Each structure stands twice: as C-alpha cells, then as structure tokens.
Amino acid sequence: MALIRWEPAAELNTIQNEMNRLFNNFFDQPAGTRDSTHSRRWMPAMDLIETKEHYVLRADLPGLSDEDVDVKLEDNVLTISGERTAQHPQDAQGYYRIERAFGSFARSLTLPDGVNPDAVQGHFDRGVLEIMIPKPEQKKPRQVQITLGATPAESSDTIDSTASTDPQTNRRDPVPA
C-alpha cells in the first residue's frame, strides 16, 4: 500500500478551479429566461505583444466595422469599446441553435507611465483591430565622474567658532573609543 502525502494547498486549488468552472458555466448560459432572445455576454479576444519599440495590441472584432468600435486613451488607460448587434430576427422562429454572442463590450488596458498618447496608432482590417503603442523612453542613469586620491582645495578663509580669545575655551578632552 502506497502512502500519499496530503497537500492542503493543492486541495484548495482544486476547490477554487471547480468554483471558477461553476461560475463560468452559470454566467455563460443563454439568457432565455430573461427575455425571448438567447444572448450571451460577448468579450472579444485580445493579444498583447511586446516588440523592441512597441507594445502591439490585437483584438478580434468579427462582423464589426471601424465605425462600430471606439478607442480611447485617458490617464494611461486604453479602452476599446463597441457593440455587435444580433443578425437574426427577434422572434427566433426557425432557428435550432444560436451560439454566436452579441452585445456591447469594453476592454481596458493600463499603459506604463511615460507613453506618448499622440504617437499611438491604430489600424482596422478584416475584423482585426491592431494598435501600436510606442514604449516610453527609459530613464538613463546619471553618470558622475569620481577622481580618487585627490583632496578638495583648502579654503584660505577660516571661520572662528567663538568670540573668546582664550585658547582653552573650545578645548575638550578626547572621548575614549
């Protein structure tokens, strides 16, 4: 008989995965009980790629035109929003199955500090939105020249710390180490 070590963290991870699956299945169900149309929440797929000079964001927006999509950059947050309308009649007679989701959507992405908003470029072609975001310039470290072995030039000015003429006034006994 083999002994198997019990790992509580793995058990909690399994429970969390099951709860996530349960909630995902619940919220992805068609909303037929609310009204006569079967709709699902639509969230377009997005890819974010990093190159040497840019961040490249690609979003799949099938069936939409550039007039249907709104892209905003405000306070270093890039937001893509829009709406895909249903392409079937509302009475849904004659339909056996409706799986394509539709509705409004909004996706936001926080950009790093220092991004120049005027340099952001977008291109929409065949249902794919591509946004090129130039990377901010990295702050370069400041370099200071240090010379070793040299002492600073001594000043010819001397400053008296007291007005007393007695040389014993500021004298103190040395402190033992």
N, C-alpha and C. Protein backbone atom coordinates (compact mmCIF):
# COMPACT_ATOMS: atom_id res chain seq x y z
N MET A 1 0.84 -1.17 0.00
CA MET A 1 0.00 0.00 0.00
C MET A 1 0.89 1.23 0.00
N ALA A 2 0.63 2.15 -0.90
CA ALA A 2 1.44 3.36 -1.02
C ALA A 2 0.79 4.49 -0.23
N LEU A 3 1.64 5.25 0.43
CA LEU A 3 1.16 6.42 1.16
C LEU A 3 1.22 7.64 0.26
N ILE A 4 0.18 8.43 0.30
CA ILE A 4 0.12 9.65 -0.50
C ILE A 4 0.07 10.82 0.46
N ARG A 5 0.99 11.75 0.28
CA ARG A 5 1.05 12.92 1.15
C ARG A 5 -0.13 13.84 0.84
N TRP A 6 -0.81 14.29 1.87
CA TRP A 6 -1.93 15.21 1.73
C TRP A 6 -1.39 16.63 1.68
N GLU A 7 -1.77 17.36 0.63
CA GLU A 7 -1.33 18.75 0.46
C GLU A 7 -2.55 19.65 0.48
N PRO A 8 -2.76 20.37 1.60
CA PRO A 8 -3.95 21.22 1.70
C PRO A 8 -4.01 22.31 0.63
N ALA A 9 -2.86 22.85 0.23
CA ALA A 9 -2.86 23.91 -0.79
C ALA A 9 -3.38 23.38 -2.12
N ALA A 10 -3.01 22.14 -2.45
CA ALA A 10 -3.50 21.54 -3.70
C ALA A 10 -5.01 21.31 -3.64
N GLU A 11 -5.51 20.92 -2.48
CA GLU A 11 -6.95 20.73 -2.33
C GLU A 11 -7.70 22.05 -2.49
N LEU A 12 -7.16 23.11 -1.90
CA LEU A 12 -7.80 24.43 -2.06
C LEU A 12 -7.78 24.89 -3.51
N ASN A 13 -6.69 24.60 -4.21
CA ASN A 13 -6.59 24.95 -5.63
C ASN A 13 -7.65 24.19 -6.44
N THR A 14 -7.86 22.93 -6.12
CA THR A 14 -8.88 22.13 -6.81
C THR A 14 -10.28 22.70 -6.56
N ILE A 15 -10.55 23.06 -5.31
CA ILE A 15 -11.86 23.64 -4.99
C ILE A 15 -12.06 24.96 -5.73
N GLN A 16 -11.00 25.79 -5.79
CA GLN A 16 -11.10 27.07 -6.49
C GLN A 16 -11.36 26.85 -7.98
N ASN A 17 -10.69 25.89 -8.58
CA ASN A 17 -10.92 25.60 -10.00
C ASN A 17 -12.36 25.15 -10.26
N GLU A 18 -12.88 24.33 -9.38
CA GLU A 18 -14.26 23.87 -9.54
C GLU A 18 -15.25 25.02 -9.38
N MET A 19 -15.00 25.92 -8.43
CA MET A 19 -15.88 27.08 -8.26
C MET A 19 -15.82 28.00 -9.48
N ASN A 20 -14.63 28.21 -10.02
CA ASN A 20 -14.49 29.02 -11.23
C ASN A 20 -15.25 28.40 -12.39
N ARG A 21 -15.14 27.08 -12.54
CA ARG A 21 -15.86 26.40 -13.61
C ARG A 21 -17.37 26.54 -13.43
N LEU A 22 -17.83 26.41 -12.19
CA LEU A 22 -19.25 26.54 -11.90
C LEU A 22 -19.77 27.94 -12.26
N PHE A 23 -19.05 28.97 -11.82
CA PHE A 23 -19.49 30.33 -12.12
C PHE A 23 -19.39 30.65 -13.61
N ASN A 24 -18.34 30.17 -14.29
CA ASN A 24 -18.23 30.41 -15.73
C ASN A 24 -19.37 29.76 -16.48
N ASN A 25 -19.72 28.53 -16.12
CA ASN A 25 -20.84 27.86 -16.78
C ASN A 25 -22.15 28.56 -16.51
N PHE A 26 -22.33 29.06 -15.29
CA PHE A 26 -23.58 29.73 -14.95
C PHE A 26 -23.75 31.02 -15.73
N PHE A 27 -22.70 31.84 -15.80
CA PHE A 27 -22.83 33.14 -16.45
C PHE A 27 -22.74 33.06 -17.96
N ASP A 28 -22.25 31.96 -18.53
CA ASP A 28 -22.19 31.81 -19.97
C ASP A 28 -23.44 31.16 -20.56
N GLN A 29 -24.39 30.80 -19.71
CA GLN A 29 -25.62 30.18 -20.19
C GLN A 29 -26.46 31.20 -20.96
N PRO A 30 -27.15 30.77 -21.97
CA PRO A 30 -28.04 31.70 -22.67
C PRO A 30 -29.06 32.30 -21.72
N ALA A 31 -29.40 33.54 -21.96
CA ALA A 31 -30.32 34.27 -21.08
C ALA A 31 -31.75 34.15 -21.57
N GLY A 32 -32.21 32.94 -21.86
CA GLY A 32 -33.55 32.74 -22.39
C GLY A 32 -34.64 33.00 -21.38
N THR A 33 -34.35 32.92 -20.11
CA THR A 33 -35.39 33.13 -19.11
C THR A 33 -35.69 34.61 -18.92
N ARG A 34 -34.75 35.49 -19.27
CA ARG A 34 -34.99 36.92 -19.06
C ARG A 34 -35.85 37.53 -20.16
N ASP A 35 -35.62 37.13 -21.37
CA ASP A 35 -36.43 37.64 -22.48
C ASP A 35 -36.50 36.55 -23.55
N SER A 36 -37.06 36.89 -24.70
CA SER A 36 -37.25 35.87 -25.73
C SER A 36 -35.99 35.60 -26.53
N THR A 37 -34.96 36.45 -26.42
CA THR A 37 -33.75 36.23 -27.20
C THR A 37 -32.73 35.48 -26.37
N HIS A 38 -31.95 34.66 -27.02
CA HIS A 38 -30.88 33.92 -26.37
C HIS A 38 -29.58 34.68 -26.60
N SER A 39 -29.13 35.40 -25.60
CA SER A 39 -27.90 36.18 -25.76
C SER A 39 -26.88 35.75 -24.72
N ARG A 40 -25.65 35.91 -25.05
CA ARG A 40 -24.55 35.66 -24.14
C ARG A 40 -23.68 36.90 -24.11
N ARG A 41 -23.01 37.07 -23.02
CA ARG A 41 -22.10 38.21 -22.91
C ARG A 41 -20.93 37.98 -23.86
N TRP A 42 -20.63 38.98 -24.68
CA TRP A 42 -19.57 38.85 -25.67
C TRP A 42 -18.37 39.66 -25.24
N MET A 43 -17.20 39.02 -25.23
CA MET A 43 -15.95 39.67 -24.89
C MET A 43 -14.95 39.30 -25.98
N PRO A 44 -14.53 40.26 -26.81
CA PRO A 44 -13.61 39.91 -27.89
C PRO A 44 -12.24 39.48 -27.36
N ALA A 45 -11.63 38.56 -28.07
CA ALA A 45 -10.30 38.07 -27.70
C ALA A 45 -9.25 39.12 -28.07
N MET A 46 -8.25 39.28 -27.19
CA MET A 46 -7.19 40.26 -27.42
C MET A 46 -5.83 39.62 -27.17
N ASP A 47 -4.84 40.03 -27.95
CA ASP A 47 -3.45 39.63 -27.75
C ASP A 47 -2.63 40.89 -27.49
N LEU A 48 -1.66 40.80 -26.59
CA LEU A 48 -0.74 41.90 -26.33
C LEU A 48 0.66 41.36 -26.54
N ILE A 49 1.37 41.97 -27.48
CA ILE A 49 2.71 41.51 -27.87
C ILE A 49 3.69 42.65 -27.61
N GLU A 50 4.87 42.30 -27.12
CA GLU A 50 5.91 43.30 -26.88
C GLU A 50 7.03 43.11 -27.89
N THR A 51 7.36 44.19 -28.61
CA THR A 51 8.50 44.19 -29.51
C THR A 51 9.56 45.13 -28.93
N LYS A 52 10.63 45.36 -29.67
CA LYS A 52 11.68 46.25 -29.16
C LYS A 52 11.19 47.67 -28.94
N GLU A 53 10.41 48.21 -29.88
CA GLU A 53 9.99 49.60 -29.81
C GLU A 53 8.53 49.81 -29.43
N HIS A 54 7.70 48.76 -29.52
CA HIS A 54 6.26 48.95 -29.34
C HIS A 54 5.64 47.86 -28.47
N TYR A 55 4.46 48.19 -27.97
CA TYR A 55 3.50 47.19 -27.50
C TYR A 55 2.46 47.11 -28.60
N VAL A 56 2.12 45.91 -29.02
CA VAL A 56 1.14 45.72 -30.10
C VAL A 56 -0.07 45.01 -29.52
N LEU A 57 -1.22 45.65 -29.64
CA LEU A 57 -2.48 45.09 -29.15
C LEU A 57 -3.32 44.70 -30.36
N ARG A 58 -3.75 43.44 -30.40
CA ARG A 58 -4.61 42.97 -31.49
C ARG A 58 -5.89 42.43 -30.87
N ALA A 59 -7.01 42.90 -31.40
CA ALA A 59 -8.33 42.47 -30.91
C ALA A 59 -9.13 41.90 -32.07
N ASP A 60 -9.72 40.73 -31.87
CA ASP A 60 -10.59 40.12 -32.88
C ASP A 60 -11.99 40.69 -32.73
N LEU A 61 -12.45 41.39 -33.75
CA LEU A 61 -13.78 42.01 -33.74
C LEU A 61 -14.53 41.61 -35.01
N PRO A 62 -14.87 40.32 -35.15
CA PRO A 62 -15.52 39.88 -36.38
C PRO A 62 -16.91 40.49 -36.53
N GLY A 63 -17.21 40.87 -37.76
CA GLY A 63 -18.52 41.42 -38.06
C GLY A 63 -18.66 42.90 -37.74
N LEU A 64 -17.63 43.53 -37.22
CA LEU A 64 -17.70 44.95 -36.90
C LEU A 64 -16.90 45.76 -37.91
N SER A 65 -17.31 47.01 -38.07
CA SER A 65 -16.55 47.94 -38.90
C SER A 65 -15.86 48.94 -37.98
N ASP A 66 -15.02 49.78 -38.55
CA ASP A 66 -14.31 50.75 -37.71
C ASP A 66 -15.25 51.78 -37.09
N GLU A 67 -16.44 51.98 -37.66
CA GLU A 67 -17.41 52.90 -37.07
C GLU A 67 -18.07 52.30 -35.82
N ASP A 68 -18.05 50.97 -35.70
CA ASP A 68 -18.67 50.29 -34.55
C ASP A 68 -17.77 50.24 -33.33
N VAL A 69 -16.49 50.61 -33.48
CA VAL A 69 -15.50 50.46 -32.41
C VAL A 69 -15.02 51.84 -31.97
N ASP A 70 -14.91 52.02 -30.65
CA ASP A 70 -14.43 53.27 -30.07
C ASP A 70 -13.15 52.97 -29.28
N VAL A 71 -12.07 53.70 -29.59
CA VAL A 71 -10.81 53.53 -28.89
C VAL A 71 -10.48 54.85 -28.19
N LYS A 72 -10.26 54.78 -26.87
CA LYS A 72 -9.95 55.98 -26.08
C LYS A 72 -8.69 55.72 -25.27
N LEU A 73 -7.87 56.78 -25.11
CA LEU A 73 -6.70 56.73 -24.24
C LEU A 73 -6.82 57.89 -23.28
N GLU A 74 -7.04 57.56 -22.01
CA GLU A 74 -7.24 58.60 -20.99
C GLU A 74 -6.55 58.16 -19.71
N ASP A 75 -5.67 59.01 -19.19
CA ASP A 75 -4.93 58.75 -17.94
C ASP A 75 -4.21 57.40 -17.98
N ASN A 76 -3.50 57.15 -19.08
CA ASN A 76 -2.72 55.92 -19.28
C ASN A 76 -3.58 54.66 -19.30
N VAL A 77 -4.88 54.79 -19.56
CA VAL A 77 -5.76 53.63 -19.70
C VAL A 77 -6.33 53.63 -21.11
N LEU A 78 -6.00 52.58 -21.86
CA LEU A 78 -6.51 52.40 -23.21
C LEU A 78 -7.78 51.57 -23.13
N THR A 79 -8.90 52.10 -23.66
CA THR A 79 -10.18 51.41 -23.60
C THR A 79 -10.70 51.20 -25.01
N ILE A 80 -11.05 49.96 -25.31
CA ILE A 80 -11.67 49.60 -26.59
C ILE A 80 -13.10 49.19 -26.27
N SER A 81 -14.07 49.84 -26.91
CA SER A 81 -15.47 49.52 -26.65
C SER A 81 -16.24 49.53 -27.96
N GLY A 82 -17.41 48.94 -27.91
CA GLY A 82 -18.27 48.89 -29.09
C GLY A 82 -19.45 47.99 -28.84
N GLU A 83 -20.16 47.66 -29.93
CA GLU A 83 -21.33 46.80 -29.81
C GLU A 83 -21.51 46.00 -31.08
N ARG A 84 -21.78 44.73 -30.90
CA ARG A 84 -22.11 43.85 -32.03
C ARG A 84 -23.58 43.50 -31.89
N THR A 85 -24.35 43.79 -32.92
CA THR A 85 -25.80 43.57 -32.86
C THR A 85 -26.13 42.17 -33.39
N ALA A 86 -27.27 41.67 -32.96
CA ALA A 86 -27.74 40.35 -33.40
C ALA A 86 -28.12 40.42 -34.86
N GLN A 87 -27.79 39.36 -35.60
CA GLN A 87 -28.10 39.32 -37.02
C GLN A 87 -29.23 38.34 -37.34
N HIS A 88 -30.06 38.09 -36.36
CA HIS A 88 -31.20 37.21 -36.59
C HIS A 88 -32.45 37.92 -36.08
N PRO A 89 -33.61 37.56 -36.61
CA PRO A 89 -34.83 38.23 -36.15
C PRO A 89 -35.11 37.94 -34.67
N GLN A 90 -35.80 38.86 -34.04
CA GLN A 90 -36.07 38.73 -32.61
C GLN A 90 -37.02 37.58 -32.29
N ASP A 91 -37.90 37.19 -33.23
CA ASP A 91 -38.84 36.11 -32.92
C ASP A 91 -38.16 34.75 -32.88
N ALA A 92 -37.00 34.61 -33.52
CA ALA A 92 -36.17 33.41 -33.49
C ALA A 92 -36.91 32.16 -33.95
N GLN A 93 -37.88 32.31 -34.84
CA GLN A 93 -38.58 31.15 -35.36
C GLN A 93 -37.72 30.51 -36.45
N GLY A 94 -37.66 29.22 -36.44
CA GLY A 94 -36.88 28.52 -37.44
C GLY A 94 -35.43 28.32 -37.06
N TYR A 95 -35.03 28.82 -35.95
CA TYR A 95 -33.65 28.63 -35.50
C TYR A 95 -33.58 27.43 -34.58
N TYR A 96 -32.61 26.56 -34.81
CA TYR A 96 -32.41 25.41 -33.96
C TYR A 96 -31.42 25.71 -32.84
N ARG A 97 -30.43 26.50 -33.15
CA ARG A 97 -29.39 26.79 -32.18
C ARG A 97 -28.75 28.13 -32.50
N ILE A 98 -28.59 28.96 -31.50
CA ILE A 98 -27.93 30.26 -31.66
C ILE A 98 -26.78 30.30 -30.68
N GLU A 99 -25.55 30.29 -31.20
CA GLU A 99 -24.38 30.26 -30.34
C GLU A 99 -23.56 31.55 -30.41
N ARG A 100 -23.68 32.30 -31.47
CA ARG A 100 -22.86 33.50 -31.60
C ARG A 100 -23.35 34.56 -30.63
N ALA A 101 -22.43 35.07 -29.84
CA ALA A 101 -22.76 36.07 -28.83
C ALA A 101 -22.77 37.46 -29.46
N PHE A 102 -23.51 38.35 -28.86
CA PHE A 102 -23.58 39.73 -29.32
C PHE A 102 -23.85 40.62 -28.13
N GLY A 103 -23.75 41.90 -28.36
CA GLY A 103 -23.98 42.88 -27.31
C GLY A 103 -22.84 43.88 -27.23
N SER A 104 -22.89 44.72 -26.23
CA SER A 104 -21.85 45.72 -26.07
C SER A 104 -20.68 45.13 -25.28
N PHE A 105 -19.50 45.70 -25.48
CA PHE A 105 -18.31 45.23 -24.80
C PHE A 105 -17.41 46.43 -24.50
N ALA A 106 -16.51 46.23 -23.56
CA ALA A 106 -15.48 47.22 -23.24
C ALA A 106 -14.30 46.47 -22.63
N ARG A 107 -13.11 46.71 -23.16
CA ARG A 107 -11.88 46.13 -22.63
C ARG A 107 -10.92 47.27 -22.34
N SER A 108 -10.26 47.23 -21.20
CA SER A 108 -9.33 48.29 -20.82
C SER A 108 -7.97 47.70 -20.51
N LEU A 109 -6.95 48.50 -20.79
CA LEU A 109 -5.57 48.10 -20.57
C LEU A 109 -4.82 49.29 -20.01
N THR A 110 -4.15 49.11 -18.87
CA THR A 110 -3.36 50.19 -18.28
C THR A 110 -1.98 50.20 -18.92
N LEU A 111 -1.60 51.35 -19.44
CA LEU A 111 -0.31 51.50 -20.10
C LEU A 111 0.74 51.99 -19.11
N PRO A 112 2.01 51.73 -19.39
CA PRO A 112 3.05 52.22 -18.48
C PRO A 112 3.15 53.74 -18.52
N ASP A 113 3.67 54.33 -17.44
CA ASP A 113 3.85 55.77 -17.39
C ASP A 113 4.84 56.21 -18.46
N GLY A 114 4.60 57.38 -19.01
CA GLY A 114 5.51 57.95 -20.00
C GLY A 114 5.15 57.67 -21.44
N VAL A 115 4.05 56.96 -21.71
CA VAL A 115 3.63 56.69 -23.08
C VAL A 115 3.12 57.98 -23.70
N ASN A 116 3.59 58.28 -24.90
CA ASN A 116 3.16 59.48 -25.62
C ASN A 116 1.83 59.17 -26.31
N PRO A 117 0.72 59.77 -25.86
CA PRO A 117 -0.59 59.44 -26.45
C PRO A 117 -0.71 59.86 -27.91
N ASP A 118 0.06 60.85 -28.34
CA ASP A 118 -0.02 61.30 -29.73
C ASP A 118 0.66 60.32 -30.69
N ALA A 119 1.51 59.45 -30.17
CA ALA A 119 2.23 58.51 -31.03
C ALA A 119 1.52 57.16 -31.16
N VAL A 120 0.40 56.96 -30.48
CA VAL A 120 -0.35 55.70 -30.56
C VAL A 120 -1.06 55.66 -31.91
N GLN A 121 -0.94 54.53 -32.60
CA GLN A 121 -1.54 54.38 -33.93
C GLN A 121 -2.42 53.14 -33.95
N GLY A 122 -3.54 53.22 -34.69
CA GLY A 122 -4.44 52.09 -34.81
C GLY A 122 -4.74 51.77 -36.26
N HIS A 123 -5.02 50.49 -36.51
CA HIS A 123 -5.33 50.03 -37.86
C HIS A 123 -6.40 48.94 -37.75
N PHE A 124 -7.46 49.05 -38.54
CA PHE A 124 -8.56 48.09 -38.52
C PHE A 124 -8.66 47.44 -39.89
N ASP A 125 -8.48 46.11 -39.95
CA ASP A 125 -8.51 45.43 -41.23
C ASP A 125 -9.13 44.04 -41.06
N ARG A 126 -10.17 43.73 -41.83
CA ARG A 126 -10.84 42.43 -41.87
C ARG A 126 -11.21 41.92 -40.49
N GLY A 127 -11.74 42.79 -39.63
CA GLY A 127 -12.22 42.37 -38.33
C GLY A 127 -11.17 42.28 -37.25
N VAL A 128 -9.93 42.72 -37.55
CA VAL A 128 -8.86 42.70 -36.55
C VAL A 128 -8.39 44.13 -36.33
N LEU A 129 -8.50 44.57 -35.09
CA LEU A 129 -8.02 45.89 -34.69
C LEU A 129 -6.60 45.73 -34.17
N GLU A 130 -5.67 46.52 -34.72
CA GLU A 130 -4.28 46.48 -34.27
C GLU A 130 -3.88 47.88 -33.81
N ILE A 131 -3.40 47.97 -32.59
CA ILE A 131 -2.99 49.26 -32.02
C ILE A 131 -1.51 49.16 -31.68
N MET A 132 -0.73 50.10 -32.20
CA MET A 132 0.71 50.16 -31.95
C MET A 132 0.96 51.24 -30.89
N ILE A 133 1.52 50.84 -29.75
CA ILE A 133 1.78 51.76 -28.65
C ILE A 133 3.29 51.84 -28.47
N PRO A 134 3.91 52.99 -28.78
CA PRO A 134 5.36 53.07 -28.61
C PRO A 134 5.75 53.02 -27.14
N LYS A 135 6.83 52.30 -26.87
CA LYS A 135 7.31 52.18 -25.49
C LYS A 135 7.86 53.53 -25.03
N PRO A 136 7.66 53.84 -23.76
CA PRO A 136 8.25 55.08 -23.25
C PRO A 136 9.77 54.94 -23.15
N GLU A 137 10.45 56.09 -23.30
CA GLU A 137 11.90 56.06 -23.18
C GLU A 137 12.29 55.76 -21.76
N GLN A 138 13.26 54.87 -21.61
CA GLN A 138 13.74 54.51 -20.29
C GLN A 138 14.64 55.62 -19.76
N LYS A 139 14.51 55.90 -18.49
CA LYS A 139 15.38 56.89 -17.88
C LYS A 139 16.78 56.29 -17.79
N LYS A 140 17.75 57.05 -18.29
CA LYS A 140 19.12 56.58 -18.27
C LYS A 140 19.76 57.00 -16.95
N PRO A 141 20.61 56.14 -16.38
CA PRO A 141 21.25 56.50 -15.12
C PRO A 141 22.23 57.65 -15.33
N ARG A 142 22.30 58.49 -14.34
CA ARG A 142 23.20 59.63 -14.39
C ARG A 142 24.59 59.16 -13.99
N GLN A 143 25.59 59.55 -14.77
CA GLN A 143 26.94 59.11 -14.52
C GLN A 143 27.73 60.28 -13.94
N VAL A 144 28.45 60.02 -12.84
CA VAL A 144 29.23 61.04 -12.16
C VAL A 144 30.68 60.62 -12.20
N GLN A 145 31.57 61.54 -12.61
CA GLN A 145 33.00 61.26 -12.65
C GLN A 145 33.58 61.43 -11.25
N ILE A 146 34.29 60.41 -10.77
CA ILE A 146 34.90 60.46 -9.44
C ILE A 146 36.40 60.30 -9.62
N THR A 147 37.16 61.22 -9.02
CA THR A 147 38.62 61.10 -9.06
C THR A 147 39.09 60.61 -7.70
N LEU A 148 39.95 59.62 -7.70
CA LEU A 148 40.43 59.04 -6.46
C LEU A 148 41.77 59.65 -6.07
N GLY A 149 42.01 59.79 -4.79
CA GLY A 149 43.29 60.26 -4.28
C GLY A 149 43.43 61.76 -4.23
N ALA A 150 42.55 62.49 -4.77
CA ALA A 150 42.65 63.95 -4.76
C ALA A 150 41.91 64.48 -3.55
N THR A 151 42.40 65.55 -2.97
CA THR A 151 41.73 66.20 -1.85
C THR A 151 41.15 67.51 -2.33
N PRO A 152 40.05 67.92 -1.77
CA PRO A 152 39.49 69.19 -2.20
C PRO A 152 40.44 70.33 -1.84
N ALA A 153 40.40 71.36 -2.64
CA ALA A 153 41.26 72.53 -2.39
C ALA A 153 40.87 73.17 -1.08
N GLU A 154 41.90 73.51 -0.28
CA GLU A 154 41.63 74.12 1.01
C GLU A 154 41.32 75.58 0.83
N SER A 155 40.40 76.02 1.60
CA SER A 155 39.98 77.42 1.54
C SER A 155 40.92 78.25 2.39
N SER A 156 41.20 79.44 1.93
CA SER A 156 42.07 80.33 2.70
C SER A 156 41.30 81.05 3.79
N ASP A 157 39.99 81.00 3.73
CA ASP A 157 39.18 81.65 4.76
C ASP A 157 39.05 80.71 5.94
N THR A 158 39.17 81.25 7.13
CA THR A 158 38.95 80.47 8.34
C THR A 158 37.78 81.07 9.07
N ILE A 159 37.09 80.22 9.76
CA ILE A 159 35.92 80.68 10.50
C ILE A 159 36.16 80.39 11.96
N ASP A 160 36.02 81.40 12.78
CA ASP A 160 36.15 81.21 14.21
C ASP A 160 34.80 80.82 14.76
N SER A 161 34.81 79.84 15.67
CA SER A 161 33.56 79.38 16.22
C SER A 161 33.14 80.15 17.46
N THR A 162 34.07 80.83 18.09
CA THR A 162 33.70 81.62 19.28
C THR A 162 34.37 82.97 19.21
N ALA A 163 33.87 83.84 19.96
CA ALA A 163 34.46 85.17 20.01
C ALA A 163 35.49 85.28 21.13
N SER A 164 35.69 84.23 21.87
CA SER A 164 36.62 84.26 23.00
C SER A 164 38.06 84.21 22.51
N THR A 165 38.95 84.87 23.19
CA THR A 165 40.36 84.86 22.83
C THR A 165 41.12 83.83 23.62
N ASP A 166 40.48 83.19 24.58
CA ASP A 166 41.12 82.16 25.39
C ASP A 166 41.21 80.87 24.59
N PRO A 167 42.42 80.32 24.33
CA PRO A 167 42.54 79.10 23.52
C PRO A 167 41.98 77.87 24.22
N GLN A 168 41.75 77.87 25.50
CA GLN A 168 41.24 76.71 26.23
C GLN A 168 39.72 76.64 26.21
N THR A 169 39.03 77.64 25.65
CA THR A 169 37.58 77.69 25.70
C THR A 169 36.94 76.53 24.94
N ASN A 170 37.40 76.23 23.75
CA ASN A 170 36.80 75.18 22.92
C ASN A 170 37.51 73.84 23.03
N ARG A 171 38.47 73.76 23.89
CA ARG A 171 39.21 72.52 24.02
C ARG A 171 38.42 71.51 24.86
N ARG A 172 38.35 70.30 24.37
CA ARG A 172 37.64 69.25 25.09
C ARG A 172 38.57 68.06 25.21
N ASP A 173 38.31 67.27 26.23
CA ASP A 173 39.11 66.06 26.42
C ASP A 173 38.65 65.06 25.37
N PRO A 174 39.61 64.27 24.84
CA PRO A 174 39.23 63.26 23.86
C PRO A 174 38.34 62.18 24.49
N VAL A 175 37.42 61.67 23.72
CA VAL A 175 36.50 60.64 24.18
C VAL A 175 37.13 59.28 23.88
N PRO A 176 37.22 58.38 24.90
CA PRO A 176 37.82 57.06 24.61
C PRO A 176 36.93 56.25 23.68
N ALA A 177 37.54 55.46 22.84
CA ALA A 177 36.80 54.67 21.87
C ALA A 177 36.29 53.39 22.45
